[in-house]
Structures are given as structure tokens and as C-alpha cells.
């Protein structure tokens, strides 16, 4: 099975991308491709762009990657208690291209942030938004206090690591 994993962030130092990379390394029984959405050159969503120019090639390429994957793992960043404008724009583009872009896909939704809620507000908004697109959500996890709990590419709190690994194992088994 093939899993596509990415962060809903456009930061070159994204902690959500670091979290995604950690998650990907824990999965051995499936092929995992970690991508950065910023590599697909997609402009901020605008109806005028869509109507005048059509869909950017980056949207078409990402749609193809999503459709070819059996599972999707997303870690969303949080800005001011919400998903990032970058990630919202991605969702707008991809859902306008294909309203059911997650149909038949099992997906896992994560978030992390430096604070004690770990991006939980953004995770809840992303979950509510992505639920519209017909995928099967397997689970969610919010990693709090990133700078304390994630050091040198690893989760250092054993209880947290156990919870995250259980979620990953459950997701992997259901693919």
C-alpha cells in the first residue's frame, strides 16, 4: 500500500513537516512518500484565477498523487487558532478540482505546535473541513509542547511515543 504524507504549512522549518517525517519513519509495512506542498507552485486560491486560467498544474499533480495513494497523513499547522491560509488555499484548489478528492482514502490527521494544546484548534477545523470530501478518517492526534516533546527528530516522552505509535499501527493495519 502507498501512503502520501504532508504538512499543511509553507514554512521551510515547519514543525508539522518534522512531525510528518517522524511518522513516516515509523511505518515499515507500506511505502510512504513525504512531500512538501510548497513544491507544487500553487497560487493563493482565487475564483478569477480558476475562471481565467483554469487549474494550476500543481493542483493536477497533487490530485494525481492523492488519487494514487491508499492512505493520506496530514499534519496541520496552526495560525491564530486556525489552519494556515496556505493550507486553506490548498484545500480550496483541490476540492474545486475534485469535490471528492479523498473518496476511498483512509486518512490520519495530526497537528503539533509549541503550546500546550498542540494545534488542537487547527486540527478540529481541519477535521471539520476535510470531512466534507468523502474520505475515512482513522484517527487524530495533537502533539503538544513540540520543543519539549520532540527533540532531535524523536518523541522523547515515552507515554506520548506509545500513543502515537499505537495510532500509526492502527492506521497501517486498516489500509
N, C-alpha and C. Protein backbone atom coordinates (compact mmCIF):
# COMPACT_ATOMS: atom_id res chain seq x y z
N UNK A 1 0.84 -1.18 0.00
CA UNK A 1 0.00 0.00 0.00
C UNK A 1 0.89 1.25 0.00
N UNK A 2 0.33 2.32 -0.54
CA UNK A 2 1.08 3.56 -0.67
C UNK A 2 0.41 4.65 0.17
N UNK A 3 1.23 5.35 0.94
CA UNK A 3 0.76 6.44 1.79
C UNK A 3 1.42 7.74 1.33
N UNK A 4 0.61 8.78 1.21
CA UNK A 4 1.10 10.12 0.91
C UNK A 4 1.01 10.94 2.19
N UNK A 5 2.10 11.61 2.57
CA UNK A 5 2.14 12.37 3.82
C UNK A 5 2.67 13.78 3.58
N UNK A 6 2.01 14.75 4.20
CA UNK A 6 2.44 16.14 4.06
C UNK A 6 1.92 16.99 5.21
N UNK A 7 2.55 18.15 5.35
CA UNK A 7 2.14 19.13 6.36
C UNK A 7 1.37 20.26 5.71
N UNK A 8 0.40 20.78 6.42
CA UNK A 8 -0.37 21.93 5.94
C UNK A 8 0.31 23.22 6.35
N UNK A 9 1.55 23.36 5.91
CA UNK A 9 2.37 24.52 6.28
C UNK A 9 3.27 24.89 5.11
N UNK A 10 3.57 26.16 4.99
CA UNK A 10 4.51 26.59 3.96
C UNK A 10 5.83 27.07 4.56
N UNK A 11 6.06 26.79 5.82
CA UNK A 11 7.31 27.15 6.48
C UNK A 11 8.41 26.17 6.10
N UNK A 12 9.57 26.70 5.75
CA UNK A 12 10.71 25.83 5.43
C UNK A 12 11.21 25.11 6.68
N UNK A 13 10.85 25.60 7.86
CA UNK A 13 11.25 24.98 9.13
C UNK A 13 10.04 24.41 9.87
N UNK A 14 9.04 24.02 9.13
CA UNK A 14 7.77 23.55 9.70
C UNK A 14 7.96 22.42 10.71
N UNK A 15 7.46 22.63 11.91
CA UNK A 15 7.49 21.55 12.91
C UNK A 15 6.48 20.47 12.53
N UNK A 16 5.44 20.82 11.82
CA UNK A 16 4.48 19.82 11.36
C UNK A 16 5.10 18.93 10.30
N UNK A 17 5.98 19.49 9.46
CA UNK A 17 6.70 18.66 8.49
C UNK A 17 7.67 17.73 9.22
N UNK A 18 8.32 18.24 10.25
CA UNK A 18 9.22 17.39 11.05
C UNK A 18 8.43 16.23 11.69
N UNK A 19 7.23 16.53 12.17
CA UNK A 19 6.37 15.51 12.76
C UNK A 19 5.98 14.47 11.70
N UNK A 20 5.64 14.94 10.51
CA UNK A 20 5.29 14.03 9.40
C UNK A 20 6.48 13.12 9.06
N UNK A 21 7.67 13.68 9.02
CA UNK A 21 8.85 12.86 8.72
C UNK A 21 9.05 11.78 9.78
N UNK A 22 8.84 12.14 11.04
CA UNK A 22 8.93 11.16 12.12
C UNK A 22 7.90 10.04 11.91
N UNK A 23 6.66 10.42 11.64
CA UNK A 23 5.58 9.45 11.44
C UNK A 23 5.95 8.51 10.29
N UNK A 24 6.41 9.07 9.19
CA UNK A 24 6.76 8.26 8.01
C UNK A 24 7.82 7.22 8.34
N UNK A 25 8.79 7.58 9.16
CA UNK A 25 9.87 6.65 9.52
C UNK A 25 9.37 5.49 10.39
N UNK A 26 8.22 5.67 11.03
CA UNK A 26 7.68 4.61 11.89
C UNK A 26 6.91 3.56 11.10
N UNK A 27 6.62 3.84 9.84
CA UNK A 27 5.82 2.93 9.02
C UNK A 27 6.76 2.12 8.13
N UNK A 28 6.80 0.83 8.37
CA UNK A 28 7.69 -0.04 7.61
C UNK A 28 6.97 -0.95 6.64
N UNK A 29 5.70 -1.22 6.89
CA UNK A 29 4.98 -2.20 6.07
C UNK A 29 4.33 -1.60 4.83
N UNK A 30 4.44 -0.29 4.66
CA UNK A 30 3.86 0.37 3.49
C UNK A 30 4.88 1.36 2.92
N UNK A 31 4.70 1.71 1.66
CA UNK A 31 5.51 2.75 1.03
C UNK A 31 4.95 4.10 1.45
N UNK A 32 5.80 4.97 1.97
CA UNK A 32 5.37 6.31 2.39
C UNK A 32 6.15 7.35 1.60
N UNK A 33 5.42 8.24 0.96
CA UNK A 33 6.03 9.36 0.25
C UNK A 33 5.71 10.64 1.01
N UNK A 34 6.73 11.30 1.50
CA UNK A 34 6.58 12.58 2.19
C UNK A 34 6.84 13.68 1.18
N UNK A 35 5.90 14.60 1.06
CA UNK A 35 6.06 15.72 0.13
C UNK A 35 5.89 17.04 0.87
N UNK A 36 6.32 18.10 0.21
CA UNK A 36 6.06 19.47 0.68
C UNK A 36 5.13 20.12 -0.33
N UNK A 37 4.02 20.61 0.16
CA UNK A 37 3.05 21.27 -0.73
C UNK A 37 3.66 22.47 -1.43
N UNK A 38 4.65 23.10 -0.82
CA UNK A 38 5.28 24.28 -1.42
C UNK A 38 6.02 23.95 -2.72
N UNK A 39 6.30 22.70 -2.97
CA UNK A 39 6.99 22.31 -4.20
C UNK A 39 6.08 22.26 -5.41
N UNK A 40 4.81 22.57 -5.24
CA UNK A 40 3.84 22.42 -6.32
C UNK A 40 3.36 23.75 -6.91
N UNK A 41 3.93 24.84 -6.48
CA UNK A 41 3.69 26.15 -7.09
C UNK A 41 2.21 26.44 -7.36
N UNK A 42 1.45 26.47 -6.29
CA UNK A 42 0.01 26.73 -6.38
C UNK A 42 -0.25 28.13 -5.80
N UNK A 43 -0.85 29.01 -6.57
CA UNK A 43 -1.12 30.36 -6.05
C UNK A 43 -2.23 30.34 -4.99
N UNK A 44 -2.35 31.43 -4.27
CA UNK A 44 -3.47 31.59 -3.34
C UNK A 44 -4.76 31.45 -4.14
N UNK A 45 -5.69 30.65 -3.61
CA UNK A 45 -6.91 30.39 -4.37
C UNK A 45 -7.67 31.70 -4.65
N UNK A 46 -8.13 31.83 -5.89
CA UNK A 46 -8.98 32.96 -6.29
C UNK A 46 -9.88 32.48 -7.42
N UNK A 47 -11.15 32.79 -7.31
CA UNK A 47 -12.12 32.40 -8.34
C UNK A 47 -11.69 32.95 -9.70
N UNK A 48 -11.18 34.18 -9.73
CA UNK A 48 -10.76 34.77 -11.00
C UNK A 48 -9.65 33.96 -11.67
N UNK A 49 -8.69 33.48 -10.88
CA UNK A 49 -7.62 32.65 -11.45
C UNK A 49 -8.21 31.37 -12.02
N UNK A 50 -9.09 30.74 -11.25
CA UNK A 50 -9.70 29.49 -11.71
C UNK A 50 -10.48 29.72 -13.01
N UNK A 51 -11.27 30.78 -13.05
CA UNK A 51 -12.11 31.02 -14.23
C UNK A 51 -11.30 31.46 -15.44
N UNK A 52 -10.26 32.25 -15.22
CA UNK A 52 -9.48 32.79 -16.34
C UNK A 52 -8.37 31.85 -16.82
N UNK A 53 -7.75 31.14 -15.88
CA UNK A 53 -6.58 30.33 -16.22
C UNK A 53 -6.78 28.83 -16.03
N UNK A 54 -7.87 28.45 -15.38
CA UNK A 54 -8.08 27.05 -15.08
C UNK A 54 -7.30 26.62 -13.85
N UNK A 55 -7.11 25.34 -13.72
CA UNK A 55 -6.42 24.81 -12.55
C UNK A 55 -4.92 24.74 -12.80
N UNK A 56 -4.14 25.22 -11.82
CA UNK A 56 -2.68 25.16 -11.96
C UNK A 56 -2.20 23.71 -12.09
N UNK A 57 -1.09 23.53 -12.78
CA UNK A 57 -0.51 22.19 -12.93
C UNK A 57 -0.22 21.55 -11.58
N UNK A 58 0.18 22.36 -10.60
CA UNK A 58 0.45 21.83 -9.26
C UNK A 58 -0.76 21.17 -8.63
N UNK A 59 -1.93 21.73 -8.85
CA UNK A 59 -3.17 21.15 -8.33
C UNK A 59 -3.41 19.79 -8.99
N UNK A 60 -3.21 19.73 -10.29
CA UNK A 60 -3.42 18.48 -11.03
C UNK A 60 -2.43 17.40 -10.58
N UNK A 61 -1.18 17.80 -10.37
CA UNK A 61 -0.17 16.84 -9.91
C UNK A 61 -0.47 16.33 -8.50
N UNK A 62 -0.87 17.23 -7.62
CA UNK A 62 -1.22 16.82 -6.25
C UNK A 62 -2.45 15.92 -6.25
N UNK A 63 -3.42 16.26 -7.06
CA UNK A 63 -4.62 15.43 -7.16
C UNK A 63 -4.25 14.02 -7.60
N UNK A 64 -3.37 13.92 -8.58
CA UNK A 64 -2.92 12.61 -9.07
C UNK A 64 -2.24 11.83 -7.96
N UNK A 65 -1.37 12.49 -7.19
CA UNK A 65 -0.68 11.82 -6.08
C UNK A 65 -1.68 11.33 -5.03
N UNK A 66 -2.66 12.16 -4.72
CA UNK A 66 -3.68 11.78 -3.73
C UNK A 66 -4.47 10.59 -4.24
N UNK A 67 -4.88 10.62 -5.48
CA UNK A 67 -5.69 9.53 -6.05
C UNK A 67 -4.90 8.22 -6.13
N UNK A 68 -3.59 8.30 -6.32
CA UNK A 68 -2.75 7.10 -6.41
C UNK A 68 -2.43 6.50 -5.04
N UNK A 69 -2.62 7.26 -3.98
CA UNK A 69 -2.31 6.79 -2.63
C UNK A 69 -3.49 5.99 -2.05
N UNK A 70 -3.16 5.05 -1.20
CA UNK A 70 -4.18 4.29 -0.47
C UNK A 70 -4.53 4.99 0.84
N UNK A 71 -3.56 5.70 1.39
CA UNK A 71 -3.75 6.41 2.64
C UNK A 71 -3.09 7.77 2.59
N UNK A 72 -3.62 8.68 3.39
CA UNK A 72 -3.12 10.06 3.44
C UNK A 72 -2.85 10.40 4.91
N UNK A 73 -1.70 11.00 5.17
CA UNK A 73 -1.40 11.51 6.51
C UNK A 73 -1.11 13.00 6.37
N UNK A 74 -1.83 13.80 7.15
CA UNK A 74 -1.68 15.25 7.11
C UNK A 74 -1.40 15.74 8.53
N UNK A 75 -0.45 16.64 8.67
CA UNK A 75 -0.24 17.34 9.94
C UNK A 75 -0.43 18.82 9.68
N UNK A 76 -1.42 19.39 10.34
CA UNK A 76 -1.76 20.78 10.07
C UNK A 76 -1.14 21.73 11.09
N UNK A 77 -0.60 22.81 10.59
CA UNK A 77 -0.07 23.87 11.44
C UNK A 77 -1.22 24.75 11.90
N UNK A 78 -0.96 25.52 12.94
CA UNK A 78 -1.98 26.42 13.48
C UNK A 78 -1.47 27.85 13.48
N UNK A 79 -2.28 28.72 12.92
CA UNK A 79 -2.02 30.16 12.98
C UNK A 79 -3.23 30.83 13.62
N UNK A 80 -3.02 31.45 14.75
CA UNK A 80 -4.09 32.18 15.45
C UNK A 80 -5.33 31.32 15.66
N UNK A 81 -5.13 30.07 16.06
CA UNK A 81 -6.24 29.17 16.36
C UNK A 81 -6.94 28.60 15.14
N UNK A 82 -6.34 28.72 13.98
CA UNK A 82 -6.98 28.27 12.74
C UNK A 82 -5.96 27.51 11.90
N UNK A 83 -6.42 26.86 10.83
CA UNK A 83 -5.47 26.29 9.88
C UNK A 83 -4.79 27.45 9.16
N UNK A 84 -3.66 27.18 8.58
CA UNK A 84 -2.94 28.25 7.88
C UNK A 84 -3.69 28.66 6.61
N UNK A 85 -3.51 29.89 6.20
CA UNK A 85 -4.10 30.37 4.94
C UNK A 85 -3.56 29.53 3.78
N UNK A 86 -2.31 29.14 3.87
CA UNK A 86 -1.69 28.30 2.85
C UNK A 86 -2.44 26.97 2.70
N UNK A 87 -2.70 26.31 3.82
CA UNK A 87 -3.39 25.02 3.78
C UNK A 87 -4.84 25.19 3.33
N UNK A 88 -5.48 26.23 3.78
CA UNK A 88 -6.87 26.50 3.35
C UNK A 88 -6.91 26.71 1.85
N UNK A 89 -5.95 27.42 1.30
CA UNK A 89 -5.90 27.64 -0.13
C UNK A 89 -5.71 26.31 -0.88
N UNK A 90 -4.83 25.45 -0.36
CA UNK A 90 -4.66 24.12 -0.95
C UNK A 90 -5.99 23.37 -0.97
N UNK A 91 -6.69 23.36 0.15
CA UNK A 91 -7.98 22.67 0.24
C UNK A 91 -8.97 23.25 -0.76
N UNK A 92 -9.00 24.57 -0.87
CA UNK A 92 -9.90 25.21 -1.83
C UNK A 92 -9.60 24.77 -3.26
N UNK A 93 -8.33 24.80 -3.64
CA UNK A 93 -7.96 24.41 -5.00
C UNK A 93 -8.31 22.94 -5.27
N UNK A 94 -7.86 22.05 -4.39
CA UNK A 94 -8.01 20.62 -4.65
C UNK A 94 -9.48 20.21 -4.62
N UNK A 95 -10.27 20.83 -3.74
CA UNK A 95 -11.68 20.47 -3.66
C UNK A 95 -12.50 21.06 -4.81
N UNK A 96 -12.04 22.15 -5.37
CA UNK A 96 -12.71 22.70 -6.57
C UNK A 96 -12.40 21.83 -7.78
N UNK A 97 -11.20 21.26 -7.81
CA UNK A 97 -10.81 20.37 -8.90
C UNK A 97 -11.57 19.05 -8.82
N UNK A 98 -11.73 18.53 -7.58
CA UNK A 98 -12.43 17.26 -7.36
C UNK A 98 -13.05 17.30 -5.97
N UNK A 99 -14.34 17.49 -5.90
CA UNK A 99 -15.06 17.62 -4.63
C UNK A 99 -14.89 16.39 -3.74
N UNK A 100 -14.64 15.24 -4.33
CA UNK A 100 -14.49 14.00 -3.57
C UNK A 100 -13.06 13.48 -3.63
N UNK A 101 -12.10 14.40 -3.50
CA UNK A 101 -10.69 14.02 -3.68
C UNK A 101 -10.20 13.00 -2.65
N UNK A 102 -10.87 12.86 -1.52
CA UNK A 102 -10.48 11.87 -0.53
C UNK A 102 -11.31 10.59 -0.60
N UNK A 103 -12.23 10.52 -1.53
CA UNK A 103 -13.12 9.36 -1.63
C UNK A 103 -12.31 8.07 -1.76
N UNK A 104 -12.67 7.10 -0.92
CA UNK A 104 -11.99 5.82 -0.94
C UNK A 104 -10.65 5.82 -0.22
N UNK A 105 -10.28 6.94 0.37
CA UNK A 105 -8.98 7.05 1.06
C UNK A 105 -9.18 6.97 2.56
N UNK A 106 -8.29 6.27 3.22
CA UNK A 106 -8.22 6.31 4.67
C UNK A 106 -7.19 7.40 5.00
N UNK A 107 -7.50 8.21 6.00
CA UNK A 107 -6.58 9.28 6.31
C UNK A 107 -6.42 9.48 7.80
N UNK A 108 -5.30 10.05 8.13
CA UNK A 108 -4.91 10.31 9.51
C UNK A 108 -4.61 11.80 9.60
N UNK A 109 -5.12 12.45 10.63
CA UNK A 109 -4.93 13.89 10.78
C UNK A 109 -4.19 14.18 12.07
N UNK A 110 -3.11 14.92 11.94
CA UNK A 110 -2.24 15.26 13.06
C UNK A 110 -2.06 16.77 13.15
N UNK A 111 -1.53 17.20 14.28
CA UNK A 111 -1.09 18.58 14.41
C UNK A 111 -0.05 18.63 15.52
N UNK A 112 0.76 19.66 15.47
CA UNK A 112 1.67 19.94 16.57
C UNK A 112 1.90 21.44 16.61
N UNK A 113 2.27 21.91 17.78
CA UNK A 113 2.55 23.33 17.99
C UNK A 113 3.41 23.46 19.25
N UNK A 114 4.04 24.60 19.44
CA UNK A 114 4.87 24.78 20.63
C UNK A 114 4.08 24.83 21.94
N UNK A 115 2.79 25.14 21.86
CA UNK A 115 1.98 25.31 23.06
C UNK A 115 1.37 24.03 23.60
N UNK A 116 0.68 24.19 24.72
CA UNK A 116 0.15 23.02 25.44
C UNK A 116 -1.02 22.33 24.73
N UNK A 117 -1.66 23.01 23.76
CA UNK A 117 -2.78 22.39 23.05
C UNK A 117 -2.33 21.72 21.75
N UNK A 118 -1.09 21.94 21.35
CA UNK A 118 -0.53 21.23 20.21
C UNK A 118 -1.24 21.44 18.89
N UNK A 119 -1.82 22.63 18.72
CA UNK A 119 -2.53 22.89 17.46
C UNK A 119 -3.91 22.26 17.41
N UNK A 120 -4.49 21.96 18.58
CA UNK A 120 -5.79 21.27 18.64
C UNK A 120 -6.90 22.06 17.95
N UNK A 121 -6.85 23.37 18.00
CA UNK A 121 -7.89 24.18 17.34
C UNK A 121 -7.82 24.01 15.83
N UNK A 122 -6.61 24.08 15.28
CA UNK A 122 -6.44 23.88 13.84
C UNK A 122 -6.82 22.46 13.44
N UNK A 123 -6.46 21.50 14.27
CA UNK A 123 -6.80 20.11 13.98
C UNK A 123 -8.32 19.95 13.89
N UNK A 124 -9.05 20.54 14.82
CA UNK A 124 -10.51 20.44 14.81
C UNK A 124 -11.11 21.10 13.57
N UNK A 125 -10.57 22.23 13.18
CA UNK A 125 -11.06 22.92 11.97
C UNK A 125 -10.73 22.11 10.73
N UNK A 126 -9.51 21.59 10.66
CA UNK A 126 -9.13 20.77 9.50
C UNK A 126 -10.00 19.53 9.41
N UNK A 127 -10.27 18.91 10.55
CA UNK A 127 -11.12 17.71 10.55
C UNK A 127 -12.51 18.04 10.02
N UNK A 128 -13.09 19.10 10.53
CA UNK A 128 -14.44 19.51 10.09
C UNK A 128 -14.45 19.80 8.59
N UNK A 129 -13.43 20.49 8.12
CA UNK A 129 -13.35 20.85 6.70
C UNK A 129 -13.12 19.63 5.82
N UNK A 130 -12.15 18.80 6.18
CA UNK A 130 -11.79 17.66 5.34
C UNK A 130 -12.84 16.55 5.36
N UNK A 131 -13.67 16.52 6.39
CA UNK A 131 -14.76 15.53 6.45
C UNK A 131 -15.72 15.64 5.27
N UNK A 132 -15.80 16.80 4.65
CA UNK A 132 -16.71 17.00 3.51
C UNK A 132 -16.30 16.24 2.26
N UNK A 133 -15.06 15.78 2.20
CA UNK A 133 -14.52 15.30 0.94
C UNK A 133 -14.45 13.78 0.82
N UNK A 134 -15.24 13.09 1.61
CA UNK A 134 -15.59 11.67 1.44
C UNK A 134 -14.52 10.65 1.81
N UNK A 135 -13.51 11.04 2.54
CA UNK A 135 -12.53 10.06 2.99
C UNK A 135 -12.96 9.42 4.29
N UNK A 136 -12.22 8.42 4.73
CA UNK A 136 -12.50 7.76 6.01
C UNK A 136 -11.40 8.13 7.01
N UNK A 137 -11.74 8.98 7.95
CA UNK A 137 -10.79 9.41 8.96
C UNK A 137 -10.57 8.26 9.95
N UNK A 138 -9.33 7.85 10.10
CA UNK A 138 -8.98 6.75 11.00
C UNK A 138 -8.67 7.27 12.40
N UNK A 139 -8.06 8.43 12.50
CA UNK A 139 -7.74 8.96 13.81
C UNK A 139 -7.09 10.33 13.73
N UNK A 140 -6.99 10.94 14.91
CA UNK A 140 -6.35 12.25 15.02
C UNK A 140 -5.39 12.23 16.22
N UNK A 141 -4.41 13.11 16.16
CA UNK A 141 -3.51 13.27 17.30
C UNK A 141 -2.91 14.66 17.27
N UNK A 142 -2.88 15.27 18.45
CA UNK A 142 -2.31 16.60 18.62
C UNK A 142 -1.11 16.49 19.56
N UNK A 143 0.09 16.74 19.05
CA UNK A 143 1.31 16.67 19.85
C UNK A 143 1.57 18.05 20.46
N UNK A 144 1.43 18.14 21.76
CA UNK A 144 1.62 19.42 22.44
C UNK A 144 3.10 19.68 22.75
N UNK A 145 3.39 20.93 23.08
CA UNK A 145 4.72 21.32 23.54
C UNK A 145 5.84 20.73 22.69
N UNK A 146 5.78 21.02 21.40
CA UNK A 146 6.70 20.41 20.43
C UNK A 146 8.15 20.50 20.86
N UNK A 147 8.58 21.67 21.29
CA UNK A 147 10.01 21.87 21.59
C UNK A 147 10.47 21.06 22.81
N UNK A 148 9.53 20.66 23.65
CA UNK A 148 9.85 19.84 24.81
C UNK A 148 9.70 18.35 24.51
N UNK A 149 8.67 18.03 23.73
CA UNK A 149 8.34 16.62 23.48
C UNK A 149 8.98 16.02 22.24
N UNK A 150 9.58 16.84 21.39
CA UNK A 150 10.17 16.35 20.14
C UNK A 150 11.57 16.93 20.03
N UNK A 151 12.57 16.10 20.24
CA UNK A 151 13.96 16.58 20.24
C UNK A 151 14.79 15.68 19.32
N UNK A 152 15.57 16.32 18.45
CA UNK A 152 16.45 15.60 17.52
C UNK A 152 15.70 14.55 16.71
N UNK A 153 14.52 14.92 16.21
CA UNK A 153 13.77 14.04 15.32
C UNK A 153 13.04 12.90 16.00
N UNK A 154 12.87 12.99 17.32
CA UNK A 154 12.22 11.89 18.04
C UNK A 154 11.31 12.43 19.15
N UNK A 155 10.27 11.68 19.43
CA UNK A 155 9.40 11.98 20.56
C UNK A 155 10.10 11.45 21.81
N UNK A 156 10.33 12.32 22.78
CA UNK A 156 11.12 11.93 23.94
C UNK A 156 10.28 11.44 25.12
N UNK A 157 9.03 11.80 25.17
CA UNK A 157 8.14 11.32 26.24
C UNK A 157 7.63 9.93 25.83
N UNK A 158 7.94 8.92 26.63
CA UNK A 158 7.61 7.54 26.27
C UNK A 158 6.10 7.30 26.20
N UNK A 159 5.31 7.93 27.05
CA UNK A 159 3.85 7.75 27.00
C UNK A 159 3.28 8.33 25.71
N UNK A 160 3.77 9.50 25.33
CA UNK A 160 3.33 10.12 24.08
C UNK A 160 3.76 9.25 22.89
N UNK A 161 5.00 8.81 22.92
CA UNK A 161 5.51 7.96 21.83
C UNK A 161 4.65 6.71 21.68
N UNK A 162 4.27 6.11 22.80
CA UNK A 162 3.43 4.91 22.77
C UNK A 162 2.08 5.21 22.13
N UNK A 163 1.46 6.34 22.51
CA UNK A 163 0.16 6.73 21.94
C UNK A 163 0.27 6.97 20.43
N UNK A 164 1.29 7.69 20.01
CA UNK A 164 1.49 7.99 18.59
C UNK A 164 1.74 6.71 17.81
N UNK A 165 2.60 5.85 18.34
CA UNK A 165 2.89 4.60 17.64
C UNK A 165 1.67 3.70 17.55
N UNK A 166 0.82 3.72 18.56
CA UNK A 166 -0.41 2.93 18.51
C UNK A 166 -1.33 3.45 17.40
N UNK A 167 -1.43 4.76 17.29
CA UNK A 167 -2.25 5.37 16.23
C UNK A 167 -1.70 5.00 14.85
N UNK A 168 -0.39 5.06 14.70
CA UNK A 168 0.25 4.71 13.42
C UNK A 168 -0.01 3.23 13.10
N UNK A 169 0.14 2.37 14.08
CA UNK A 169 -0.09 0.93 13.87
C UNK A 169 -1.54 0.66 13.48
N UNK A 170 -2.47 1.32 14.17
CA UNK A 170 -3.89 1.14 13.85
C UNK A 170 -4.17 1.59 12.41
N UNK A 171 -3.61 2.73 12.04
CA UNK A 171 -3.79 3.25 10.68
C UNK A 171 -3.21 2.27 9.66
N UNK A 172 -2.00 1.81 9.90
CA UNK A 172 -1.33 0.89 8.97
C UNK A 172 -2.12 -0.40 8.77
N UNK A 173 -2.66 -0.94 9.85
CA UNK A 173 -3.43 -2.18 9.77
C UNK A 173 -4.73 -2.02 8.99
N UNK A 174 -5.30 -0.83 9.02
CA UNK A 174 -6.59 -0.60 8.36
C UNK A 174 -6.47 -0.29 6.87
N UNK A 175 -5.24 -0.08 6.39
CA UNK A 175 -5.05 0.19 4.96
C UNK A 175 -5.27 -1.06 4.13
